[in-house]
Amino acid sequence: MDSIILCLLAVSGVLSIFLFVARGLLDQTPEVINAWHRVQRAYRGTEPDAGSSADPDT
């Protein structure tokens, strides 16, 4: 009985850590995509369109 409880606690701990890491990665995804687009534009030597709202940082 004790081993079942320990296994449940271990699984829930691992699951919560996994969800915490996944949330952190997903929160950073839009910033990484915007940075990648800025790198591509810099490499091509093009400027973003004046009316474009794809990248509000520039």
Protein backbone atom coordinates (compact mmCIF):
# COMPACT_ATOMS: atom_id res chain seq x y z
CA MET A 1 0.00 0.00 0.00
CA ASP A 2 2.81 2.40 0.83
CA SER A 3 4.56 1.71 -2.45
CA ILE A 4 1.42 2.61 -4.40
CA ILE A 5 1.17 5.94 -2.59
CA LEU A 6 4.85 6.67 -3.22
CA CYS A 7 4.45 5.82 -6.90
CA LEU A 8 1.44 8.13 -7.19
CA LEU A 9 3.35 10.95 -5.51
CA ALA A 10 6.35 10.41 -7.77
CA VAL A 11 4.23 10.37 -10.92
CA SER A 12 2.37 13.51 -9.90
CA GLY A 13 5.65 15.27 -9.11
CA VAL A 14 7.18 14.34 -12.46
CA LEU A 15 3.99 15.37 -14.27
CA SER A 16 3.90 18.76 -12.55
CA ILE A 17 7.55 19.43 -13.41
CA PHE A 18 6.90 18.42 -17.03
CA LEU A 19 3.90 20.76 -17.25
CA PHE A 20 5.90 23.62 -15.71
CA VAL A 21 8.70 23.17 -18.28
CA ALA A 22 6.26 22.80 -21.18
CA ARG A 23 4.47 25.99 -20.15
CA GLY A 24 7.77 27.86 -20.00
CA LEU A 25 8.75 26.68 -23.47
CA LEU A 26 5.37 27.57 -24.93
CA ASP A 27 5.54 31.04 -23.38
CA GLN A 28 8.84 31.67 -25.16
CA THR A 29 7.72 30.40 -28.56
CA PRO A 30 6.27 33.70 -29.92
CA GLU A 31 9.45 35.58 -28.99
CA VAL A 32 11.61 32.97 -30.70
CA ILE A 33 9.48 33.13 -33.85
CA ASN A 34 9.66 36.94 -33.93
CA ALA A 35 13.43 36.85 -33.45
CA TRP A 36 13.75 34.32 -36.28
CA HIS A 37 11.75 36.58 -38.60
CA ARG A 38 13.98 39.54 -37.69
CA VAL A 39 17.06 37.44 -38.50
CA GLN A 40 15.60 36.44 -41.86
CA ARG A 41 14.76 40.05 -42.72
CA ALA A 42 18.24 41.21 -41.71
CA TYR A 43 19.82 38.49 -43.82
CA ARG A 44 17.74 39.44 -46.84
CA GLY A 45 18.31 43.14 -46.23
CA THR A 46 14.61 43.96 -46.39
CA GLU A 47 12.56 46.16 -44.13
CA PRO A 48 9.16 45.15 -42.75
CA ASP A 49 6.09 46.69 -44.38
CA ALA A 50 4.90 49.91 -42.75
CA GLY A 51 1.35 48.58 -42.41
CA SER A 52 2.38 45.16 -41.19
CA SER A 53 1.57 44.24 -37.59
CA ALA A 54 3.46 40.92 -37.68
CA ASP A 55 6.32 42.26 -35.56
CA PRO A 56 5.37 45.16 -33.26
CA ASP A 57 8.88 45.41 -31.74
CA THR A 58 10.47 47.01 -34.78
